[in-house]
N, C-alpha and C. Protein backbone atom coordinates (compact mmCIF):
# COMPACT_ATOMS: atom_id res chain seq x y z
N MET A 1 32.40 188.15 49.23
CA MET A 1 33.74 187.61 49.00
C MET A 1 34.59 187.81 50.25
N SER A 2 35.26 186.79 50.70
CA SER A 2 36.11 186.89 51.88
C SER A 2 37.30 187.78 51.61
N GLU A 3 37.71 188.52 52.63
CA GLU A 3 38.88 189.38 52.50
C GLU A 3 40.16 188.56 52.31
N HIS A 4 40.10 187.26 52.61
CA HIS A 4 41.26 186.39 52.48
C HIS A 4 41.34 185.72 51.11
N ALA A 5 40.36 185.98 50.25
CA ALA A 5 40.33 185.33 48.94
C ALA A 5 41.48 185.82 48.07
N TYR A 6 41.93 184.95 47.16
CA TYR A 6 42.92 185.34 46.17
C TYR A 6 42.26 186.25 45.13
N SER A 7 43.09 186.83 44.28
CA SER A 7 42.56 187.65 43.20
C SER A 7 41.79 186.77 42.22
N GLU A 8 41.00 187.40 41.37
CA GLU A 8 40.21 186.63 40.40
C GLU A 8 41.12 185.81 39.48
N ALA A 9 42.23 186.40 39.05
CA ALA A 9 43.15 185.69 38.17
C ALA A 9 43.80 184.50 38.88
N GLU A 10 44.16 184.68 40.15
CA GLU A 10 44.76 183.59 40.92
C GLU A 10 43.77 182.47 41.14
N ARG A 11 42.53 182.82 41.43
CA ARG A 11 41.51 181.78 41.63
C ARG A 11 41.27 181.02 40.32
N ALA A 12 41.23 181.74 39.22
CA ALA A 12 41.01 181.10 37.92
C ALA A 12 42.13 180.12 37.61
N ALA A 13 43.37 180.49 37.93
CA ALA A 13 44.50 179.61 37.68
C ALA A 13 44.41 178.35 38.53
N LEU A 14 43.99 178.51 39.78
CA LEU A 14 43.86 177.35 40.66
C LEU A 14 42.80 176.39 40.14
N TYR A 15 41.64 176.91 39.82
CA TYR A 15 40.57 176.05 39.31
C TYR A 15 40.92 175.45 37.96
N ARG A 16 41.71 176.17 37.18
CA ARG A 16 42.14 175.62 35.89
C ARG A 16 43.04 174.40 36.12
N ALA A 17 43.98 174.52 37.05
CA ALA A 17 44.87 173.39 37.34
C ALA A 17 44.07 172.19 37.82
N ILE A 18 43.08 172.41 38.65
CA ILE A 18 42.24 171.32 39.14
C ILE A 18 41.48 170.69 37.99
N GLY A 19 40.89 171.53 37.13
CA GLY A 19 40.07 171.02 36.04
C GLY A 19 40.85 170.34 34.94
N GLU A 20 42.12 170.73 34.75
CA GLU A 20 42.91 170.18 33.66
C GLU A 20 43.90 169.11 34.10
N ARG A 21 43.92 168.81 35.39
CA ARG A 21 44.78 167.72 35.86
C ARG A 21 44.32 166.42 35.23
N ARG A 22 45.26 165.65 34.73
CA ARG A 22 44.92 164.38 34.09
C ARG A 22 45.88 163.30 34.57
N ASP A 23 45.39 162.08 34.60
CA ASP A 23 46.22 160.92 34.92
C ASP A 23 46.89 160.50 33.61
N MET A 24 48.12 160.96 33.41
CA MET A 24 48.77 160.83 32.11
C MET A 24 49.46 159.48 31.94
N ARG A 25 49.40 158.98 30.71
CA ARG A 25 50.06 157.72 30.36
C ARG A 25 51.03 157.90 29.19
N HIS A 26 50.91 159.00 28.48
CA HIS A 26 51.75 159.26 27.31
C HIS A 26 52.68 160.42 27.62
N PHE A 27 53.98 160.17 27.49
CA PHE A 27 54.99 161.17 27.83
C PHE A 27 55.92 161.41 26.64
N ALA A 28 56.60 162.55 26.68
CA ALA A 28 57.44 162.97 25.57
C ALA A 28 58.92 162.91 25.93
N GLY A 29 59.29 162.08 26.89
CA GLY A 29 60.69 161.98 27.29
C GLY A 29 61.15 163.25 27.97
N GLY A 30 62.33 163.75 27.58
CA GLY A 30 62.82 164.99 28.14
C GLY A 30 63.32 164.85 29.56
N GLU A 31 63.40 165.98 30.24
CA GLU A 31 63.93 166.02 31.60
C GLU A 31 63.08 166.94 32.46
N VAL A 32 63.23 166.77 33.76
CA VAL A 32 62.68 167.71 34.73
C VAL A 32 63.87 168.32 35.46
N ALA A 33 64.04 169.61 35.34
CA ALA A 33 65.18 170.28 35.95
C ALA A 33 65.20 170.02 37.45
N PRO A 34 66.37 169.84 38.04
CA PRO A 34 66.46 169.54 39.47
C PRO A 34 65.74 170.56 40.35
N GLU A 35 65.86 171.84 40.02
CA GLU A 35 65.19 172.85 40.85
C GLU A 35 63.67 172.76 40.73
N LEU A 36 63.18 172.35 39.54
CA LEU A 36 61.74 172.18 39.37
C LEU A 36 61.26 170.96 40.13
N LEU A 37 61.99 169.87 40.06
CA LEU A 37 61.61 168.67 40.81
C LEU A 37 61.60 168.97 42.29
N ALA A 38 62.58 169.73 42.77
CA ALA A 38 62.61 170.10 44.19
C ALA A 38 61.39 170.93 44.56
N ARG A 39 60.98 171.81 43.67
CA ARG A 39 59.81 172.66 43.93
C ARG A 39 58.54 171.82 43.99
N LEU A 40 58.43 170.85 43.11
CA LEU A 40 57.25 169.98 43.11
C LEU A 40 57.19 169.12 44.37
N LEU A 41 58.32 168.59 44.78
CA LEU A 41 58.34 167.77 46.00
C LEU A 41 58.07 168.62 47.24
N ALA A 42 58.52 169.87 47.21
CA ALA A 42 58.21 170.77 48.32
C ALA A 42 56.71 171.02 48.41
N ALA A 43 56.06 171.12 47.25
CA ALA A 43 54.60 171.28 47.25
C ALA A 43 53.93 170.05 47.84
N ALA A 44 54.43 168.86 47.48
CA ALA A 44 53.88 167.64 48.05
C ALA A 44 54.05 167.63 49.56
N HIS A 45 55.20 168.08 50.02
CA HIS A 45 55.52 168.04 51.45
C HIS A 45 54.69 169.04 52.26
N GLN A 46 54.05 169.98 51.60
CA GLN A 46 53.20 170.95 52.29
C GLN A 46 51.77 170.43 52.48
N ALA A 47 51.51 169.19 52.10
CA ALA A 47 50.16 168.63 52.24
C ALA A 47 49.77 168.52 53.70
N PRO A 48 48.47 168.54 53.96
CA PRO A 48 48.01 168.30 55.33
C PRO A 48 48.18 166.83 55.69
N SER A 49 48.38 166.56 56.96
CA SER A 49 48.44 165.16 57.41
C SER A 49 47.85 165.07 58.81
N VAL A 50 47.13 163.99 59.04
CA VAL A 50 46.47 163.81 60.33
C VAL A 50 47.51 163.73 61.43
N GLY A 51 47.31 164.52 62.49
CA GLY A 51 48.25 164.54 63.60
C GLY A 51 49.63 165.04 63.23
N LEU A 52 49.74 165.68 62.07
CA LEU A 52 51.02 166.14 61.53
C LEU A 52 52.05 165.01 61.49
N MET A 53 51.58 163.81 61.14
CA MET A 53 52.49 162.67 61.13
C MET A 53 53.35 162.62 59.88
N GLN A 54 52.95 163.31 58.82
CA GLN A 54 53.71 163.35 57.58
C GLN A 54 54.19 161.95 57.18
N PRO A 55 53.26 161.06 56.84
CA PRO A 55 53.63 159.66 56.61
C PRO A 55 54.24 159.39 55.25
N TRP A 56 54.31 160.41 54.40
CA TRP A 56 54.79 160.18 53.03
C TRP A 56 56.31 160.02 52.96
N ARG A 57 56.71 159.14 52.07
CA ARG A 57 58.11 158.98 51.71
C ARG A 57 58.16 158.87 50.19
N PHE A 58 59.09 159.57 49.56
CA PHE A 58 59.22 159.53 48.10
C PHE A 58 60.60 158.98 47.74
N ILE A 59 60.62 158.02 46.84
CA ILE A 59 61.87 157.44 46.35
C ILE A 59 62.01 157.79 44.88
N ARG A 60 63.04 158.55 44.56
CA ARG A 60 63.30 158.89 43.15
C ARG A 60 64.07 157.73 42.52
N ILE A 61 63.56 157.22 41.41
CA ILE A 61 64.20 156.12 40.71
C ILE A 61 65.08 156.69 39.61
N SER A 62 66.38 156.71 39.84
CA SER A 62 67.31 157.30 38.87
C SER A 62 68.06 156.24 38.07
N GLN A 63 68.00 154.98 38.49
CA GLN A 63 68.68 153.91 37.76
C GLN A 63 67.75 153.31 36.70
N ARG A 64 68.19 153.32 35.46
CA ARG A 64 67.36 152.80 34.38
C ARG A 64 67.02 151.33 34.58
N ALA A 65 67.97 150.53 35.05
CA ALA A 65 67.72 149.11 35.26
C ALA A 65 66.64 148.90 36.32
N LEU A 66 66.65 149.72 37.36
CA LEU A 66 65.64 149.61 38.41
C LEU A 66 64.27 150.03 37.88
N ARG A 67 64.26 151.05 37.07
CA ARG A 67 63.01 151.49 36.45
C ARG A 67 62.41 150.35 35.61
N GLU A 68 63.25 149.65 34.87
CA GLU A 68 62.77 148.54 34.05
C GLU A 68 62.23 147.40 34.90
N ARG A 69 62.83 147.15 36.05
CA ARG A 69 62.33 146.10 36.93
C ARG A 69 60.98 146.48 37.53
N ILE A 70 60.80 147.77 37.82
CA ILE A 70 59.50 148.24 38.30
C ILE A 70 58.45 148.07 37.21
N GLN A 71 58.81 148.42 35.98
CA GLN A 71 57.89 148.28 34.87
C GLN A 71 57.50 146.81 34.68
N ALA A 72 58.44 145.90 34.90
CA ALA A 72 58.14 144.47 34.78
C ALA A 72 57.13 144.03 35.85
N LEU A 73 57.25 144.57 37.07
CA LEU A 73 56.28 144.26 38.12
C LEU A 73 54.88 144.75 37.72
N VAL A 74 54.84 145.94 37.13
CA VAL A 74 53.55 146.49 36.68
C VAL A 74 52.95 145.61 35.59
N GLU A 75 53.78 145.16 34.68
CA GLU A 75 53.29 144.32 33.59
C GLU A 75 52.73 143.00 34.13
N GLU A 76 53.39 142.42 35.13
CA GLU A 76 52.89 141.19 35.74
C GLU A 76 51.49 141.41 36.32
N GLU A 77 51.32 142.52 37.02
CA GLU A 77 50.01 142.79 37.63
C GLU A 77 48.98 143.15 36.57
N ARG A 78 49.41 143.78 35.50
CA ARG A 78 48.48 144.11 34.41
C ARG A 78 47.86 142.83 33.86
N VAL A 79 48.66 141.80 33.68
CA VAL A 79 48.16 140.52 33.16
C VAL A 79 47.20 139.89 34.18
N ARG A 80 47.56 139.94 35.45
CA ARG A 80 46.68 139.36 36.48
C ARG A 80 45.35 140.12 36.55
N THR A 81 45.43 141.43 36.41
CA THR A 81 44.21 142.23 36.44
C THR A 81 43.31 141.89 35.25
N ALA A 82 43.91 141.72 34.09
CA ALA A 82 43.14 141.34 32.90
C ALA A 82 42.43 140.01 33.12
N GLU A 83 43.12 139.06 33.72
CA GLU A 83 42.51 137.76 34.00
C GLU A 83 41.32 137.91 34.96
N ALA A 84 41.47 138.78 35.94
CA ALA A 84 40.41 138.98 36.93
C ALA A 84 39.20 139.70 36.34
N LEU A 85 39.40 140.44 35.25
CA LEU A 85 38.31 141.21 34.65
C LEU A 85 37.38 140.35 33.79
N GLY A 86 37.80 139.14 33.49
CA GLY A 86 36.91 138.25 32.75
C GLY A 86 36.60 138.76 31.37
N GLN A 87 35.33 139.08 31.12
CA GLN A 87 34.87 139.45 29.79
C GLN A 87 35.54 140.72 29.25
N ARG A 88 36.01 141.57 30.14
CA ARG A 88 36.63 142.82 29.68
C ARG A 88 38.15 142.71 29.58
N SER A 89 38.69 141.50 29.69
CA SER A 89 40.14 141.33 29.72
C SER A 89 40.81 141.83 28.44
N ASP A 90 40.28 141.46 27.29
CA ASP A 90 40.89 141.88 26.03
C ASP A 90 40.84 143.40 25.88
N GLU A 91 39.71 143.96 26.27
CA GLU A 91 39.55 145.41 26.20
C GLU A 91 40.56 146.10 27.12
N PHE A 92 40.74 145.54 28.30
CA PHE A 92 41.68 146.12 29.26
C PHE A 92 43.11 146.06 28.74
N MET A 93 43.49 144.96 28.13
CA MET A 93 44.86 144.79 27.67
C MET A 93 45.22 145.78 26.56
N LYS A 94 44.23 146.38 25.93
CA LYS A 94 44.48 147.38 24.89
C LYS A 94 44.76 148.76 25.48
N LEU A 95 44.45 148.94 26.77
CA LEU A 95 44.66 150.24 27.40
C LEU A 95 46.14 150.44 27.74
N LYS A 96 46.61 151.64 27.61
CA LYS A 96 47.95 151.98 28.07
C LYS A 96 47.82 152.36 29.54
N VAL A 97 48.44 151.60 30.42
CA VAL A 97 48.22 151.80 31.85
C VAL A 97 49.40 152.46 32.56
N GLU A 98 50.51 152.68 31.87
CA GLU A 98 51.65 153.33 32.52
C GLU A 98 52.59 153.88 31.46
N GLY A 99 53.45 154.82 31.91
CA GLY A 99 54.45 155.39 31.04
C GLY A 99 55.83 155.36 31.67
N ILE A 100 56.10 154.29 32.41
CA ILE A 100 57.31 154.20 33.22
C ILE A 100 58.58 154.34 32.38
N ASN A 101 58.62 153.72 31.22
CA ASN A 101 59.83 153.77 30.40
C ASN A 101 59.91 155.01 29.52
N ASP A 102 58.85 155.81 29.50
CA ASP A 102 58.81 156.97 28.61
C ASP A 102 58.93 158.31 29.33
N CYS A 103 58.60 158.35 30.60
CA CYS A 103 58.55 159.63 31.32
C CYS A 103 59.94 160.07 31.76
N ALA A 104 60.04 161.34 32.12
CA ALA A 104 61.33 161.90 32.54
C ALA A 104 61.74 161.42 33.91
N GLU A 105 60.79 161.31 34.82
CA GLU A 105 61.09 160.94 36.20
C GLU A 105 60.10 159.89 36.69
N VAL A 106 60.61 158.97 37.50
CA VAL A 106 59.75 158.01 38.20
C VAL A 106 59.97 158.18 39.69
N LEU A 107 58.88 158.35 40.40
CA LEU A 107 58.90 158.45 41.86
C LEU A 107 58.01 157.37 42.44
N VAL A 108 58.44 156.75 43.51
CA VAL A 108 57.58 155.82 44.23
C VAL A 108 57.15 156.50 45.52
N ALA A 109 55.85 156.66 45.70
CA ALA A 109 55.29 157.26 46.90
C ALA A 109 54.89 156.15 47.85
N ALA A 110 55.34 156.24 49.09
CA ALA A 110 55.13 155.16 50.04
C ALA A 110 54.74 155.69 51.41
N LEU A 111 54.15 154.82 52.19
CA LEU A 111 53.87 155.10 53.60
C LEU A 111 55.08 154.67 54.42
N MET A 112 55.41 155.44 55.43
CA MET A 112 56.57 155.16 56.26
C MET A 112 56.33 153.93 57.13
N GLU A 113 57.39 153.42 57.71
CA GLU A 113 57.29 152.34 58.67
C GLU A 113 56.93 152.89 60.05
N ASP A 114 56.62 152.00 60.98
CA ASP A 114 56.34 152.38 62.38
C ASP A 114 55.23 153.43 62.48
N ARG A 115 54.14 153.21 61.77
CA ARG A 115 53.03 154.17 61.82
C ARG A 115 52.12 153.95 63.02
N GLU A 116 52.19 152.78 63.63
CA GLU A 116 51.26 152.42 64.70
C GLU A 116 51.27 153.39 65.88
N PRO A 117 52.44 153.93 66.31
CA PRO A 117 52.41 154.85 67.46
C PRO A 117 51.65 156.15 67.20
N HIS A 118 51.40 156.48 65.95
CA HIS A 118 50.69 157.72 65.63
C HIS A 118 49.18 157.45 65.73
N ILE A 119 48.60 157.82 66.86
CA ILE A 119 47.17 157.54 67.09
C ILE A 119 46.32 158.80 67.03
N PHE A 120 46.94 159.98 67.00
CA PHE A 120 46.20 161.24 66.89
C PHE A 120 45.45 161.23 65.56
N GLY A 121 44.13 161.14 65.61
CA GLY A 121 43.32 161.13 64.40
C GLY A 121 43.23 159.78 63.72
N ARG A 122 43.91 158.75 64.27
CA ARG A 122 43.95 157.44 63.64
C ARG A 122 43.42 156.33 64.54
N ARG A 123 43.00 156.67 65.75
CA ARG A 123 42.60 155.61 66.67
C ARG A 123 41.43 154.80 66.11
N THR A 124 40.46 155.49 65.51
CA THR A 124 39.32 154.79 64.92
C THR A 124 39.40 154.75 63.39
N LEU A 125 40.30 155.55 62.82
CA LEU A 125 40.45 155.59 61.37
C LEU A 125 41.93 155.47 61.01
N PRO A 126 42.50 154.28 61.17
CA PRO A 126 43.94 154.12 60.89
C PRO A 126 44.32 154.42 59.45
N GLU A 127 43.35 154.34 58.54
CA GLU A 127 43.65 154.60 57.13
C GLU A 127 43.91 156.07 56.84
N MET A 128 43.82 156.93 57.85
CA MET A 128 44.09 158.35 57.61
C MET A 128 45.54 158.61 57.23
N ASP A 129 46.44 157.68 57.51
CA ASP A 129 47.80 157.85 57.01
C ASP A 129 47.82 157.77 55.49
N LEU A 130 47.02 156.85 54.94
CA LEU A 130 46.91 156.73 53.49
C LEU A 130 46.26 157.98 52.89
N ALA A 131 45.24 158.50 53.58
CA ALA A 131 44.58 159.73 53.11
C ALA A 131 45.57 160.89 53.08
N SER A 132 46.45 160.94 54.07
CA SER A 132 47.44 162.01 54.12
C SER A 132 48.42 161.91 52.96
N LEU A 133 48.87 160.69 52.66
CA LEU A 133 49.76 160.49 51.52
C LEU A 133 49.06 160.88 50.23
N ALA A 134 47.77 160.54 50.10
CA ALA A 134 47.03 160.91 48.90
C ALA A 134 46.98 162.43 48.73
N CYS A 135 46.88 163.16 49.83
CA CYS A 135 46.89 164.62 49.75
C CYS A 135 48.23 165.12 49.22
N ALA A 136 49.31 164.49 49.65
CA ALA A 136 50.64 164.89 49.17
C ALA A 136 50.78 164.62 47.68
N ILE A 137 50.26 163.48 47.23
CA ILE A 137 50.31 163.15 45.81
C ILE A 137 49.48 164.14 45.00
N GLN A 138 48.33 164.51 45.52
CA GLN A 138 47.49 165.47 44.80
C GLN A 138 48.17 166.83 44.72
N ASN A 139 48.83 167.26 45.80
CA ASN A 139 49.59 168.51 45.74
C ASN A 139 50.62 168.46 44.62
N LEU A 140 51.36 167.35 44.55
CA LEU A 140 52.38 167.17 43.52
C LEU A 140 51.75 167.21 42.14
N TRP A 141 50.61 166.56 42.00
CA TRP A 141 49.91 166.48 40.71
C TRP A 141 49.49 167.87 40.22
N LEU A 142 48.88 168.63 41.11
CA LEU A 142 48.40 169.96 40.71
C LEU A 142 49.56 170.91 40.42
N ALA A 143 50.61 170.82 41.23
CA ALA A 143 51.79 171.66 40.98
C ALA A 143 52.42 171.30 39.65
N ALA A 144 52.49 170.00 39.34
CA ALA A 144 53.04 169.57 38.06
C ALA A 144 52.23 170.13 36.90
N ARG A 145 50.90 170.08 37.02
CA ARG A 145 50.06 170.61 35.94
C ARG A 145 50.29 172.10 35.77
N ALA A 146 50.41 172.82 36.88
CA ALA A 146 50.65 174.26 36.79
C ALA A 146 51.99 174.56 36.13
N GLU A 147 52.95 173.65 36.28
CA GLU A 147 54.27 173.82 35.68
C GLU A 147 54.32 173.28 34.24
N GLY A 148 53.18 172.75 33.76
CA GLY A 148 53.14 172.23 32.39
C GLY A 148 53.64 170.82 32.24
N LEU A 149 53.77 170.09 33.35
CA LEU A 149 54.23 168.70 33.31
C LEU A 149 53.07 167.75 33.56
N GLY A 150 53.14 166.58 32.92
CA GLY A 150 52.15 165.56 33.15
C GLY A 150 52.57 164.63 34.27
N MET A 151 51.59 164.00 34.91
CA MET A 151 51.89 163.00 35.93
C MET A 151 50.85 161.90 35.85
N GLY A 152 51.30 160.67 36.04
CA GLY A 152 50.40 159.52 36.06
C GLY A 152 50.62 158.70 37.31
N TRP A 153 49.52 158.25 37.91
CA TRP A 153 49.56 157.43 39.12
C TRP A 153 49.34 155.98 38.70
N VAL A 154 50.35 155.15 38.92
CA VAL A 154 50.28 153.73 38.58
C VAL A 154 50.13 152.93 39.87
N SER A 155 49.09 152.12 39.93
CA SER A 155 48.84 151.30 41.13
C SER A 155 48.80 149.81 40.81
N LEU A 156 49.19 149.45 39.60
CA LEU A 156 49.19 148.05 39.20
C LEU A 156 50.53 147.41 39.56
N PHE A 157 50.65 146.95 40.79
CA PHE A 157 51.85 146.25 41.23
C PHE A 157 51.55 145.54 42.55
N ASP A 158 52.36 144.53 42.83
CA ASP A 158 52.29 143.84 44.11
C ASP A 158 53.11 144.66 45.11
N PRO A 159 52.48 145.26 46.13
CA PRO A 159 53.21 146.14 47.03
C PRO A 159 54.36 145.46 47.77
N GLN A 160 54.18 144.19 48.12
CA GLN A 160 55.26 143.50 48.81
C GLN A 160 56.47 143.30 47.89
N ALA A 161 56.20 142.94 46.64
CA ALA A 161 57.29 142.75 45.69
C ALA A 161 58.04 144.06 45.44
N LEU A 162 57.30 145.15 45.31
CA LEU A 162 57.95 146.44 45.07
C LEU A 162 58.72 146.89 46.31
N ALA A 163 58.16 146.65 47.49
CA ALA A 163 58.86 147.01 48.73
C ALA A 163 60.18 146.27 48.84
N GLU A 164 60.18 144.99 48.50
CA GLU A 164 61.41 144.21 48.54
C GLU A 164 62.42 144.70 47.51
N LEU A 165 61.95 145.03 46.33
CA LEU A 165 62.83 145.53 45.28
C LEU A 165 63.53 146.81 45.70
N LEU A 166 62.83 147.66 46.43
CA LEU A 166 63.37 148.97 46.83
C LEU A 166 63.99 148.96 48.21
N GLY A 167 64.06 147.79 48.84
CA GLY A 167 64.70 147.69 50.14
C GLY A 167 63.98 148.43 51.25
N MET A 168 62.67 148.45 51.20
CA MET A 168 61.89 149.15 52.23
C MET A 168 61.91 148.38 53.54
N PRO A 169 61.90 149.07 54.67
CA PRO A 169 61.86 148.39 55.96
C PRO A 169 60.49 147.77 56.21
N ALA A 170 60.42 146.85 57.15
CA ALA A 170 59.15 146.22 57.51
C ALA A 170 58.16 147.29 57.93
N GLY A 171 56.94 147.17 57.45
CA GLY A 171 55.88 148.12 57.81
C GLY A 171 55.71 149.24 56.80
N ALA A 172 56.76 149.57 56.05
CA ALA A 172 56.62 150.58 54.99
C ALA A 172 55.87 149.97 53.82
N LYS A 173 55.12 150.79 53.11
CA LYS A 173 54.28 150.25 52.03
C LYS A 173 54.25 151.19 50.84
N PRO A 174 54.65 150.71 49.65
CA PRO A 174 54.51 151.53 48.45
C PRO A 174 53.04 151.64 48.05
N VAL A 175 52.63 152.83 47.66
CA VAL A 175 51.23 153.08 47.31
C VAL A 175 51.09 153.49 45.85
N ALA A 176 52.09 154.14 45.30
CA ALA A 176 51.96 154.65 43.94
C ALA A 176 53.31 154.71 43.26
N VAL A 177 53.33 154.33 42.00
CA VAL A 177 54.45 154.63 41.12
C VAL A 177 54.02 155.84 40.30
N LEU A 178 54.75 156.93 40.44
CA LEU A 178 54.37 158.18 39.81
C LEU A 178 55.26 158.46 38.61
N CYS A 179 54.66 158.59 37.45
CA CYS A 179 55.37 158.94 36.22
C CYS A 179 55.22 160.45 36.02
N LEU A 180 56.33 161.13 35.82
CA LEU A 180 56.32 162.59 35.77
C LEU A 180 57.18 163.08 34.63
N GLY A 181 56.71 164.09 33.91
CA GLY A 181 57.55 164.67 32.88
C GLY A 181 56.78 165.41 31.80
N PRO A 182 57.50 165.92 30.81
CA PRO A 182 56.86 166.63 29.71
C PRO A 182 55.93 165.71 28.91
N VAL A 183 54.88 166.31 28.38
CA VAL A 183 53.94 165.60 27.52
C VAL A 183 53.71 166.43 26.27
N THR A 184 53.31 165.77 25.20
CA THR A 184 52.99 166.50 23.97
C THR A 184 51.70 167.29 24.13
N ASP A 185 50.69 166.64 24.71
CA ASP A 185 49.40 167.26 24.96
C ASP A 185 48.80 166.65 26.22
N PHE A 186 47.92 167.39 26.86
CA PHE A 186 47.13 166.86 27.96
C PHE A 186 45.80 166.35 27.40
N TYR A 187 45.35 165.22 27.91
CA TYR A 187 44.08 164.68 27.44
C TYR A 187 42.97 165.70 27.67
N PRO A 188 42.06 165.88 26.73
CA PRO A 188 40.95 166.82 26.91
C PRO A 188 39.92 166.33 27.92
N ALA A 189 39.98 165.04 28.25
CA ALA A 189 39.10 164.43 29.25
C ALA A 189 39.88 163.25 29.83
N PRO A 190 39.43 162.68 30.94
CA PRO A 190 40.13 161.50 31.47
C PRO A 190 40.31 160.44 30.40
N MET A 191 41.49 159.81 30.39
CA MET A 191 41.80 158.86 29.33
C MET A 191 40.81 157.71 29.28
N LEU A 192 40.35 157.25 30.43
CA LEU A 192 39.42 156.12 30.45
C LEU A 192 38.07 156.50 29.85
N VAL A 193 37.73 157.78 29.88
CA VAL A 193 36.52 158.24 29.20
C VAL A 193 36.77 158.26 27.70
N LEU A 194 37.92 158.77 27.30
CA LEU A 194 38.25 158.83 25.88
C LEU A 194 38.34 157.44 25.26
N GLU A 195 38.76 156.46 26.05
CA GLU A 195 38.89 155.08 25.57
C GLU A 195 37.60 154.28 25.75
N ASN A 196 36.53 154.96 26.18
CA ASN A 196 35.23 154.31 26.38
C ASN A 196 35.28 153.17 27.40
N TRP A 197 36.20 153.29 28.36
CA TRP A 197 36.27 152.29 29.43
C TRP A 197 35.26 152.60 30.53
N ALA A 198 35.07 153.87 30.81
CA ALA A 198 34.18 154.28 31.89
C ALA A 198 33.58 155.64 31.55
N GLU A 199 32.51 156.00 32.26
CA GLU A 199 31.88 157.30 32.09
C GLU A 199 31.97 158.07 33.40
N GLN A 200 32.17 159.36 33.28
CA GLN A 200 32.16 160.20 34.47
C GLN A 200 30.73 160.44 34.93
N ARG A 201 30.54 160.37 36.23
CA ARG A 201 29.22 160.65 36.79
C ARG A 201 29.20 162.06 37.36
N PRO A 202 28.07 162.72 37.34
CA PRO A 202 27.99 164.09 37.85
C PRO A 202 28.07 164.14 39.37
N LEU A 203 28.48 165.30 39.88
CA LEU A 203 28.56 165.50 41.32
C LEU A 203 27.22 165.23 41.99
N SER A 204 26.12 165.55 41.32
CA SER A 204 24.80 165.37 41.92
C SER A 204 24.54 163.92 42.33
N ASP A 205 25.20 162.96 41.64
CA ASP A 205 25.03 161.55 42.01
C ASP A 205 25.73 161.22 43.32
N MET A 206 26.69 162.04 43.72
CA MET A 206 27.50 161.76 44.90
C MET A 206 27.18 162.65 46.09
N LEU A 207 26.21 163.54 45.91
CA LEU A 207 25.94 164.53 46.96
C LEU A 207 24.61 164.25 47.65
N TYR A 208 24.68 164.06 48.97
CA TYR A 208 23.49 163.84 49.78
C TYR A 208 23.36 164.97 50.80
N GLU A 209 22.22 165.03 51.46
CA GLU A 209 22.01 166.04 52.48
C GLU A 209 21.40 165.41 53.73
N ASN A 210 22.09 165.56 54.83
CA ASN A 210 21.67 165.10 56.15
C ASN A 210 21.74 163.58 56.32
N HIS A 211 21.20 162.81 55.41
CA HIS A 211 21.23 161.35 55.52
C HIS A 211 21.61 160.74 54.18
N TRP A 212 22.24 159.57 54.27
CA TRP A 212 22.67 158.86 53.07
C TRP A 212 21.50 158.64 52.11
N GLY A 213 21.70 159.05 50.87
CA GLY A 213 20.67 158.85 49.85
C GLY A 213 19.70 159.99 49.71
N ASP A 214 19.65 160.89 50.69
CA ASP A 214 18.74 162.04 50.59
C ASP A 214 19.38 163.10 49.73
N ARG A 215 18.71 163.49 48.65
CA ARG A 215 19.24 164.47 47.74
C ARG A 215 19.00 165.88 48.26
N PRO A 216 19.94 166.79 47.99
CA PRO A 216 19.75 168.18 48.39
C PRO A 216 18.51 168.79 47.75
């Protein structure tokens, strides 16, 4: 055991938060105290980022009318996605894909504008700015779970339409609508598994050694 390791109880709490994190769609209304929201956003801001570019931007949606317009954009894309799914369209339309009107807080996570000058770590992999934002979202997600709050990542929207709605500058890009707040219960398994939409695959299916496809 490394001398830098946390205590057994601290490690158990960390792994519990990872294991019980869920992409939530059902919320119980309520509120998120300002100091708690600040703490969660601070956790997001501590995420690693390539070249320390910190490309994340978070927009808190506090206007109910604006929240409803965002939900309408999501609904438009939900219908388009159903059409694209063909035979599974009816099944898809039965799924609850967002909790925008039910959750305590809505945050839009976006990539900043003028990302092109940041080439440290991005010269051959420009998408590392997106990876960095994803790390910030995951930090927020795990911190929310540890605080007993649910969070859902909604990606069903036209990014250009949402950017225009929120007055984003050219080059900035919304990546996620985040629903955050109290929940009655956390799903015992991913919701899409519970709804028989998809099955989880084991880590062994995703783990290779030395060369692609070679199993350990």
